[in-house]
Amino acid sequence: MDITRPLVEKVALLARLEIPPAGADKAAAQLGRIVTMVEKLNELDTKNVEPMTNPTGLVDAFRSDEPRPSLPRAEALANAPDKVEMFLRVPRVVE
């Protein structure tokens, strides 16, 4: 696949990326090399390769979820930048 400057500019527009005009040619060349490398991977025979979701083989790397006492309210509010009585005040995210 040939990666051209207009294609890079179109993808940048769709992805809402700012690529300076001088960088569009460089990005096209770099993306072209990436696509060439991926196309080369498509040449490999993977029919007998099992799909994997975890290359390390670890099944569960997290600690067990056990109940324990929570932080006392006074300690939790001690360094809060904005609080009202016994509650944290956070910026409004839904209007």
Protein backbone atom coordinates (compact mmCIF):
# COMPACT_ATOMS: atom_id res chain seq x y z
CA MET A 1 0.00 0.00 0.00
CA ASP A 2 1.34 3.38 -0.98
CA ILE A 3 1.11 5.98 1.79
CA THR A 4 0.89 9.44 0.26
CA ARG A 5 0.90 12.90 1.77
CA PRO A 6 -2.84 13.45 1.01
CA LEU A 7 -3.64 10.14 2.74
CA VAL A 8 -1.63 11.18 5.82
CA GLU A 9 -3.41 14.55 5.88
CA LYS A 10 -6.82 12.85 5.61
CA VAL A 11 -6.05 10.37 8.40
CA ALA A 12 -4.66 13.18 10.57
CA LEU A 13 -7.87 15.15 10.02
CA LEU A 14 -10.05 12.15 10.92
CA ALA A 15 -7.93 11.39 14.01
CA ARG A 16 -7.85 15.06 14.94
CA LEU A 17 -4.05 15.12 14.87
CA GLU A 18 -2.05 18.19 14.03
CA ILE A 19 0.75 17.31 11.66
CA PRO A 20 2.71 20.29 10.40
CA PRO A 21 3.00 20.51 6.60
CA ALA A 22 6.73 19.83 6.80
CA GLY A 23 6.07 16.69 8.86
CA ALA A 24 3.47 15.18 6.52
CA ASP A 25 6.07 13.86 4.08
CA LYS A 26 8.15 12.39 6.90
CA ALA A 27 5.02 10.79 8.44
CA ALA A 28 4.08 9.32 5.04
CA ALA A 29 7.53 7.75 4.69
CA GLN A 30 7.45 6.34 8.23
CA LEU A 31 3.92 4.98 7.87
CA GLY A 32 4.92 3.44 4.53
CA ARG A 33 7.75 1.54 6.24
CA ILE A 34 5.37 0.35 8.97
CA VAL A 35 2.83 -0.91 6.42
CA THR A 36 5.60 -2.70 4.50
CA MET A 37 6.71 -4.43 7.70
CA VAL A 38 3.15 -5.53 8.52
CA GLU A 39 2.66 -6.80 4.97
CA LYS A 40 5.81 -8.87 5.43
CA LEU A 41 4.29 -10.43 8.58
CA ASN A 42 1.26 -11.46 6.51
CA GLU A 43 3.58 -13.74 4.51
CA LEU A 44 4.16 -15.97 7.56
CA ASP A 45 2.30 -19.27 7.82
CA THR A 46 0.28 -19.08 11.04
CA LYS A 47 -2.18 -21.93 10.39
CA ASN A 48 -0.80 -24.14 13.18
CA VAL A 49 -0.15 -21.33 15.67
CA GLU A 50 -2.51 -21.16 18.62
CA PRO A 51 -3.90 -17.69 19.32
CA MET A 52 -2.76 -16.30 22.65
CA THR A 53 -3.96 -13.50 24.85
CA ASN A 54 -1.04 -13.50 27.25
CA PRO A 55 2.53 -14.18 26.10
CA THR A 56 3.89 -14.63 29.64
CA GLY A 57 1.63 -17.49 30.66
CA LEU A 58 0.64 -15.78 33.91
CA VAL A 59 -2.92 -16.64 34.83
CA ASP A 60 -3.65 -14.03 37.50
CA ALA A 61 -1.09 -11.43 38.46
CA PHE A 62 -3.38 -9.59 40.89
CA ARG A 63 -3.67 -9.99 44.62
CA SER A 64 -6.76 -11.65 45.99
CA ASP A 65 -9.65 -9.32 46.66
CA GLU A 66 -10.20 -9.48 50.39
CA PRO A 67 -12.26 -7.04 52.48
CA ARG A 68 -10.25 -4.81 54.77
CA PRO A 69 -10.88 -1.61 56.73
CA SER A 70 -11.11 1.54 54.65
CA LEU A 71 -9.39 4.85 55.27
CA PRO A 72 -11.09 6.90 58.01
CA ARG A 73 -13.15 9.77 56.59
CA ALA A 74 -11.11 12.44 58.43
CA GLU A 75 -7.86 11.11 56.91
CA ALA A 76 -9.39 10.91 53.42
CA LEU A 77 -10.57 14.53 53.63
CA ALA A 78 -7.40 15.85 55.29
CA ASN A 79 -5.62 16.75 52.04
CA ALA A 80 -8.68 17.30 49.84
CA PRO A 81 -8.34 20.51 47.82
CA ASP A 82 -12.09 21.18 47.98
CA LYS A 83 -14.56 19.75 50.48
CA VAL A 84 -18.03 20.54 51.78
CA GLU A 85 -18.72 19.30 55.28
CA MET A 86 -17.85 15.59 55.08
CA PHE A 87 -17.80 15.26 51.28
CA LEU A 88 -15.23 15.76 48.51
CA ARG A 89 -16.23 18.36 45.94
CA VAL A 90 -15.27 17.45 42.38
CA PRO A 91 -15.62 19.40 39.13
CA ARG A 92 -18.92 18.99 37.31
CA VAL A 93 -18.57 16.67 34.32
CA VAL A 94 -22.22 16.38 33.20
CA GLU A 95 -24.33 19.39 32.39
